[in-house]
N, C-alpha and C. Protein backbone atom coordinates (compact mmCIF):
# COMPACT_ATOMS: atom_id res chain seq x y z
N MET A 1 -58.85 7.67 -82.48
CA MET A 1 -58.39 8.23 -81.23
C MET A 1 -59.61 8.78 -80.49
N THR A 2 -59.64 8.52 -79.20
CA THR A 2 -60.74 8.99 -78.36
C THR A 2 -60.18 9.72 -77.15
N ASN A 3 -60.71 10.89 -76.89
CA ASN A 3 -60.35 11.63 -75.68
C ASN A 3 -61.48 11.45 -74.67
N THR A 4 -61.12 11.02 -73.48
CA THR A 4 -62.10 10.80 -72.43
C THR A 4 -61.79 11.71 -71.25
N LYS A 5 -62.83 12.37 -70.75
CA LYS A 5 -62.68 13.24 -69.60
C LYS A 5 -62.31 12.39 -68.38
N VAL A 6 -61.27 12.78 -67.67
CA VAL A 6 -60.84 12.04 -66.48
C VAL A 6 -60.71 12.99 -65.31
N GLY A 7 -60.67 12.45 -64.16
CA GLY A 7 -60.50 13.26 -62.96
C GLY A 7 -60.99 12.51 -61.75
N GLN A 8 -60.58 13.00 -60.60
CA GLN A 8 -61.01 12.39 -59.36
C GLN A 8 -61.62 13.45 -58.46
N THR A 9 -62.40 12.97 -57.52
CA THR A 9 -63.05 13.87 -56.57
C THR A 9 -63.10 13.18 -55.22
N LYS A 10 -63.60 13.88 -54.23
CA LYS A 10 -63.80 13.27 -52.92
C LYS A 10 -65.09 13.81 -52.32
N VAL A 11 -65.62 13.06 -51.38
CA VAL A 11 -66.81 13.46 -50.65
C VAL A 11 -66.45 13.38 -49.18
N GLU A 12 -66.64 14.47 -48.47
CA GLU A 12 -66.29 14.49 -47.06
C GLU A 12 -67.35 15.26 -46.29
N GLY A 13 -67.41 15.00 -45.01
CA GLY A 13 -68.39 15.69 -44.19
C GLY A 13 -68.22 15.36 -42.72
N THR A 14 -69.12 15.90 -41.93
CA THR A 14 -69.11 15.70 -40.50
C THR A 14 -70.53 15.42 -40.03
N LYS A 15 -70.68 14.40 -39.22
CA LYS A 15 -71.97 14.09 -38.60
C LYS A 15 -72.21 15.08 -37.49
N THR A 16 -73.38 15.73 -37.50
CA THR A 16 -73.76 16.66 -36.46
C THR A 16 -74.96 16.08 -35.71
N TRP A 17 -74.87 16.06 -34.41
CA TRP A 17 -75.96 15.55 -33.58
C TRP A 17 -76.77 16.72 -33.05
N ASN A 18 -78.09 16.61 -33.10
CA ASN A 18 -78.98 17.63 -32.56
C ASN A 18 -79.79 16.96 -31.44
N ASP A 19 -79.10 16.69 -30.32
CA ASP A 19 -79.74 15.93 -29.25
C ASP A 19 -79.31 16.38 -27.85
N ASP A 20 -78.80 17.59 -27.73
CA ASP A 20 -78.35 18.12 -26.44
C ASP A 20 -77.38 17.18 -25.72
N ASN A 21 -76.45 16.59 -26.51
CA ASN A 21 -75.44 15.66 -25.95
C ASN A 21 -76.06 14.50 -25.18
N ALA A 22 -77.05 13.88 -25.78
CA ALA A 22 -77.74 12.75 -25.16
C ALA A 22 -76.74 11.67 -24.74
N THR A 23 -77.00 11.05 -23.61
CA THR A 23 -76.09 10.02 -23.10
C THR A 23 -76.27 8.68 -23.81
N ASP A 24 -77.37 8.52 -24.54
CA ASP A 24 -77.61 7.25 -25.24
C ASP A 24 -77.18 7.30 -26.70
N ARG A 25 -76.43 8.33 -27.07
CA ARG A 25 -75.93 8.46 -28.44
C ARG A 25 -74.99 7.29 -28.75
N PRO A 26 -75.10 6.70 -29.95
CA PRO A 26 -74.20 5.58 -30.28
C PRO A 26 -72.76 6.05 -30.43
N GLU A 27 -71.82 5.13 -30.24
CA GLU A 27 -70.40 5.44 -30.39
C GLU A 27 -69.98 5.47 -31.85
N MET A 28 -70.80 4.83 -32.71
CA MET A 28 -70.46 4.70 -34.12
C MET A 28 -71.73 4.62 -34.95
N ILE A 29 -71.66 5.19 -36.16
CA ILE A 29 -72.75 5.05 -37.13
C ILE A 29 -72.12 4.62 -38.46
N GLN A 30 -72.97 4.29 -39.43
CA GLN A 30 -72.46 3.95 -40.76
C GLN A 30 -73.07 4.90 -41.79
N VAL A 31 -72.22 5.34 -42.70
CA VAL A 31 -72.62 6.26 -43.76
C VAL A 31 -72.37 5.57 -45.10
N ASP A 32 -73.39 5.56 -45.95
CA ASP A 32 -73.26 4.98 -47.29
C ASP A 32 -72.93 6.07 -48.30
N LEU A 33 -72.05 5.75 -49.24
CA LEU A 33 -71.75 6.63 -50.37
C LEU A 33 -72.48 6.08 -51.58
N LEU A 34 -73.27 6.94 -52.21
CA LEU A 34 -74.00 6.54 -53.41
C LEU A 34 -73.43 7.25 -54.63
N GLN A 35 -73.29 6.51 -55.70
CA GLN A 35 -72.86 7.04 -56.99
C GLN A 35 -74.03 6.84 -57.94
N ASN A 36 -74.60 7.93 -58.40
CA ASN A 36 -75.78 7.87 -59.27
C ASN A 36 -76.88 7.00 -58.67
N GLY A 37 -77.06 7.09 -57.34
CA GLY A 37 -78.14 6.39 -56.66
C GLY A 37 -77.84 4.99 -56.19
N THR A 38 -76.64 4.47 -56.47
CA THR A 38 -76.26 3.11 -56.07
C THR A 38 -75.17 3.16 -55.00
N VAL A 39 -75.37 2.41 -53.92
CA VAL A 39 -74.36 2.36 -52.85
C VAL A 39 -73.09 1.71 -53.39
N ILE A 40 -71.97 2.44 -53.26
CA ILE A 40 -70.69 1.90 -53.73
C ILE A 40 -69.68 1.72 -52.60
N ALA A 41 -69.97 2.32 -51.43
CA ALA A 41 -69.06 2.18 -50.29
C ALA A 41 -69.80 2.53 -49.01
N THR A 42 -69.33 1.97 -47.91
CA THR A 42 -69.87 2.26 -46.59
C THR A 42 -68.70 2.53 -45.66
N GLN A 43 -68.88 3.53 -44.80
CA GLN A 43 -67.80 3.88 -43.88
C GLN A 43 -68.36 4.02 -42.47
N GLU A 44 -67.61 3.52 -41.49
CA GLU A 44 -67.97 3.73 -40.10
C GLU A 44 -67.51 5.12 -39.69
N VAL A 45 -68.38 5.83 -38.99
CA VAL A 45 -68.09 7.17 -38.52
C VAL A 45 -68.25 7.14 -37.00
N SER A 46 -67.24 7.63 -36.29
CA SER A 46 -67.27 7.48 -34.84
C SER A 46 -66.92 8.76 -34.09
N LYS A 47 -67.27 8.74 -32.83
CA LYS A 47 -66.91 9.84 -31.94
C LYS A 47 -65.40 10.00 -31.89
N ALA A 48 -64.67 8.88 -31.90
CA ALA A 48 -63.21 8.91 -31.83
C ALA A 48 -62.59 9.68 -32.99
N ALA A 49 -63.29 9.72 -34.13
CA ALA A 49 -62.81 10.46 -35.32
C ALA A 49 -63.53 11.80 -35.46
N ASP A 50 -64.07 12.30 -34.35
CA ASP A 50 -64.80 13.58 -34.34
C ASP A 50 -65.97 13.58 -35.32
N TRP A 51 -66.53 12.39 -35.58
CA TRP A 51 -67.70 12.23 -36.45
C TRP A 51 -67.44 12.69 -37.88
N LYS A 52 -66.19 12.67 -38.32
CA LYS A 52 -65.84 13.07 -39.69
C LYS A 52 -65.72 11.84 -40.58
N TYR A 53 -66.07 12.02 -41.86
CA TYR A 53 -65.90 10.95 -42.84
C TYR A 53 -65.34 11.52 -44.13
N GLU A 54 -64.67 10.66 -44.90
CA GLU A 54 -64.11 11.08 -46.19
C GLU A 54 -64.03 9.86 -47.11
N PHE A 55 -64.59 10.02 -48.28
CA PHE A 55 -64.44 9.04 -49.35
C PHE A 55 -63.58 9.74 -50.40
N LYS A 56 -62.40 9.19 -50.69
CA LYS A 56 -61.51 9.89 -51.62
C LYS A 56 -61.13 9.00 -52.79
N ASP A 57 -60.43 9.61 -53.75
CA ASP A 57 -60.00 8.93 -54.98
C ASP A 57 -61.18 8.35 -55.75
N LEU A 58 -62.26 9.14 -55.83
CA LEU A 58 -63.46 8.72 -56.55
C LEU A 58 -63.40 9.21 -57.98
N ALA A 59 -63.83 8.38 -58.90
CA ALA A 59 -63.89 8.79 -60.31
C ALA A 59 -64.90 9.93 -60.44
N ALA A 60 -64.51 11.00 -61.10
CA ALA A 60 -65.40 12.13 -61.28
C ALA A 60 -66.33 11.94 -62.48
N TYR A 61 -65.90 11.14 -63.46
CA TYR A 61 -66.66 10.97 -64.71
C TYR A 61 -66.75 9.51 -65.10
N ASP A 62 -67.83 9.17 -65.81
CA ASP A 62 -67.95 7.81 -66.34
C ASP A 62 -67.18 7.70 -67.65
N ALA A 63 -67.25 6.55 -68.30
CA ALA A 63 -66.50 6.30 -69.53
C ALA A 63 -66.90 7.22 -70.67
N ASN A 64 -68.09 7.83 -70.58
CA ASN A 64 -68.56 8.75 -71.61
C ASN A 64 -68.27 10.21 -71.27
N GLY A 65 -67.58 10.45 -70.17
CA GLY A 65 -67.24 11.81 -69.78
C GLY A 65 -68.35 12.53 -69.03
N VAL A 66 -69.38 11.79 -68.60
CA VAL A 66 -70.49 12.38 -67.86
C VAL A 66 -70.16 12.35 -66.37
N ALA A 67 -70.36 13.47 -65.71
CA ALA A 67 -70.03 13.56 -64.28
C ALA A 67 -70.93 12.64 -63.45
N TYR A 68 -70.32 11.92 -62.52
CA TYR A 68 -71.08 11.12 -61.56
C TYR A 68 -71.72 12.03 -60.53
N LYS A 69 -72.86 11.63 -60.01
CA LYS A 69 -73.49 12.34 -58.90
C LYS A 69 -73.25 11.51 -57.64
N TYR A 70 -72.59 12.11 -56.66
CA TYR A 70 -72.32 11.44 -55.40
C TYR A 70 -73.17 12.05 -54.30
N GLU A 71 -73.62 11.19 -53.38
CA GLU A 71 -74.34 11.65 -52.21
C GLU A 71 -74.09 10.67 -51.07
N VAL A 72 -74.31 11.13 -49.85
CA VAL A 72 -74.16 10.26 -48.68
C VAL A 72 -75.50 10.11 -48.00
N LYS A 73 -75.70 8.92 -47.43
CA LYS A 73 -76.89 8.65 -46.64
C LYS A 73 -76.46 7.91 -45.39
N GLU A 74 -76.97 8.37 -44.28
CA GLU A 74 -76.67 7.71 -43.01
C GLU A 74 -77.59 6.51 -42.85
N GLN A 75 -77.03 5.40 -42.42
CA GLN A 75 -77.87 4.25 -42.12
C GLN A 75 -78.66 4.55 -40.85
N ALA A 76 -79.83 3.95 -40.73
CA ALA A 76 -80.75 4.25 -39.62
C ALA A 76 -80.07 4.11 -38.26
N VAL A 77 -80.35 5.09 -37.40
CA VAL A 77 -79.88 5.08 -36.02
C VAL A 77 -81.13 5.09 -35.14
N ALA A 78 -81.29 4.08 -34.32
CA ALA A 78 -82.48 3.96 -33.48
C ALA A 78 -82.70 5.21 -32.64
N GLY A 79 -83.93 5.74 -32.69
CA GLY A 79 -84.28 6.90 -31.89
C GLY A 79 -83.94 8.24 -32.52
N TYR A 80 -83.41 8.22 -33.75
CA TYR A 80 -83.02 9.46 -34.42
C TYR A 80 -83.58 9.51 -35.84
N GLU A 81 -83.78 10.72 -36.35
CA GLU A 81 -84.10 10.94 -37.75
C GLU A 81 -82.87 11.55 -38.41
N SER A 82 -82.63 11.18 -39.65
CA SER A 82 -81.44 11.66 -40.37
C SER A 82 -81.83 12.73 -41.38
N LYS A 83 -80.99 13.75 -41.49
CA LYS A 83 -81.17 14.81 -42.48
C LYS A 83 -79.80 15.15 -43.06
N VAL A 84 -79.69 15.15 -44.39
CA VAL A 84 -78.43 15.48 -45.05
C VAL A 84 -78.54 16.90 -45.58
N SER A 85 -77.52 17.72 -45.30
CA SER A 85 -77.50 19.08 -45.84
C SER A 85 -76.13 19.35 -46.42
N GLY A 86 -76.08 20.29 -47.34
CA GLY A 86 -74.82 20.62 -48.01
C GLY A 86 -74.75 20.00 -49.38
N THR A 87 -73.66 20.32 -50.09
CA THR A 87 -73.50 19.79 -51.45
C THR A 87 -72.25 18.96 -51.53
């Protein structure tokens, strides 16, 4: 008999622009979700959705019961630098 740690988690956030409401801001960007450093999903984030994103129903642990590390990275947006903050 083997007991395996199980559980789910989610990663959510909001894109914040630091550009004084520039008129050339894109209508949509793409955000990658990484699990232990590997891209596992990509989501479009748009003004229409208030720049919010959510990846849900994610496995919290691997088959050995070790917690996965999740992080998000924004794909390059011309004319902007990206910075991720928060946990």
